[in-house]
Amino acid sequence: MEDFKKFINQYKGAIIGIIVAIVILATRLYSLIVGILLVLVGAFIGNYVQQNKDEVKTKLKSFIDKM
């Protein structure tokens, strides 16, 4: 019994992570999570482009010229 308690204490985070992953998969919340992540990535990219217009233009132009 002492070994079991030691195992639980050592791998508590992994066990909680597995349970959360099973709940997410069972309820199909992963599609919602992927959607939210895509929105956040899009917002980050849009903000970066807005803040660095000239740098993005030159990088994009050089990339197109290489093609």
Protein backbone atom coordinates (compact mmCIF):
# COMPACT_ATOMS: atom_id res chain seq x y z
CA MET A 1 0.00 0.00 0.00
CA GLU A 2 2.91 2.33 0.72
CA ASP A 3 4.29 1.72 -2.77
CA PHE A 4 0.91 2.61 -4.28
CA LYS A 5 0.82 5.92 -2.36
CA LYS A 6 4.38 6.67 -3.48
CA PHE A 7 3.41 5.92 -7.10
CA ILE A 8 0.34 8.18 -6.89
CA ASN A 9 2.35 11.03 -5.35
CA GLN A 10 5.12 10.69 -7.93
CA TYR A 11 2.84 10.59 -10.99
CA LYS A 12 -0.07 12.73 -9.77
CA GLY A 13 0.30 15.30 -12.57
CA ALA A 14 0.43 12.66 -15.30
CA ILE A 15 -2.64 10.89 -13.91
CA ILE A 16 -4.61 14.14 -13.81
CA GLY A 17 -3.48 14.93 -17.36
CA ILE A 18 -4.64 11.52 -18.59
CA ILE A 19 -8.04 11.96 -16.94
CA VAL A 20 -8.46 15.44 -18.46
CA ALA A 21 -7.46 14.12 -21.90
CA ILE A 22 -9.99 11.27 -21.65
CA VAL A 23 -12.75 13.73 -20.67
CA ILE A 24 -11.84 16.04 -23.58
CA LEU A 25 -11.85 13.15 -26.05
CA ALA A 26 -15.10 11.71 -24.70
CA THR A 27 -16.96 15.02 -24.93
CA ARG A 28 -15.41 16.10 -28.27
CA LEU A 29 -14.17 19.33 -26.70
CA TYR A 30 -10.98 19.02 -28.71
CA SER A 31 -12.70 20.51 -31.76
CA LEU A 32 -13.62 23.56 -29.68
CA ILE A 33 -10.09 23.81 -28.30
CA VAL A 34 -8.58 23.56 -31.80
CA GLY A 35 -10.96 26.28 -33.00
CA ILE A 36 -10.02 28.59 -30.14
CA LEU A 37 -6.32 27.98 -30.79
CA LEU A 38 -6.77 28.79 -34.49
CA VAL A 39 -8.54 32.05 -33.62
CA LEU A 40 -5.75 33.02 -31.21
CA VAL A 41 -3.02 32.20 -33.74
CA GLY A 42 -4.86 34.23 -36.39
CA ALA A 43 -5.16 37.18 -34.02
CA PHE A 44 -1.46 36.97 -33.16
CA ILE A 45 -0.42 36.86 -36.83
CA GLY A 46 -2.74 39.73 -37.71
CA ASN A 47 -1.36 41.86 -34.88
CA TYR A 48 2.22 41.06 -35.90
CA VAL A 49 1.55 42.02 -39.51
CA GLN A 50 -0.15 45.24 -38.44
CA GLN A 51 2.74 46.22 -36.16
CA ASN A 52 5.49 45.29 -38.67
CA LYS A 53 3.99 46.20 -42.05
CA ASP A 54 7.21 47.23 -43.77
CA GLU A 55 9.21 44.23 -42.55
CA VAL A 56 6.46 41.83 -43.58
CA LYS A 57 6.20 43.46 -47.02
CA THR A 58 9.92 43.08 -47.69
CA LYS A 59 10.00 39.47 -46.47
CA LEU A 60 6.92 38.57 -48.52
CA LYS A 61 8.31 40.28 -51.61
CA SER A 62 11.65 38.47 -51.31
CA PHE A 63 9.82 35.17 -50.80
CA ILE A 64 7.71 35.72 -53.93
CA ASP A 65 10.78 36.75 -55.94
CA LYS A 66 12.52 33.48 -55.01
CA MET A 67 9.60 31.49 -56.39
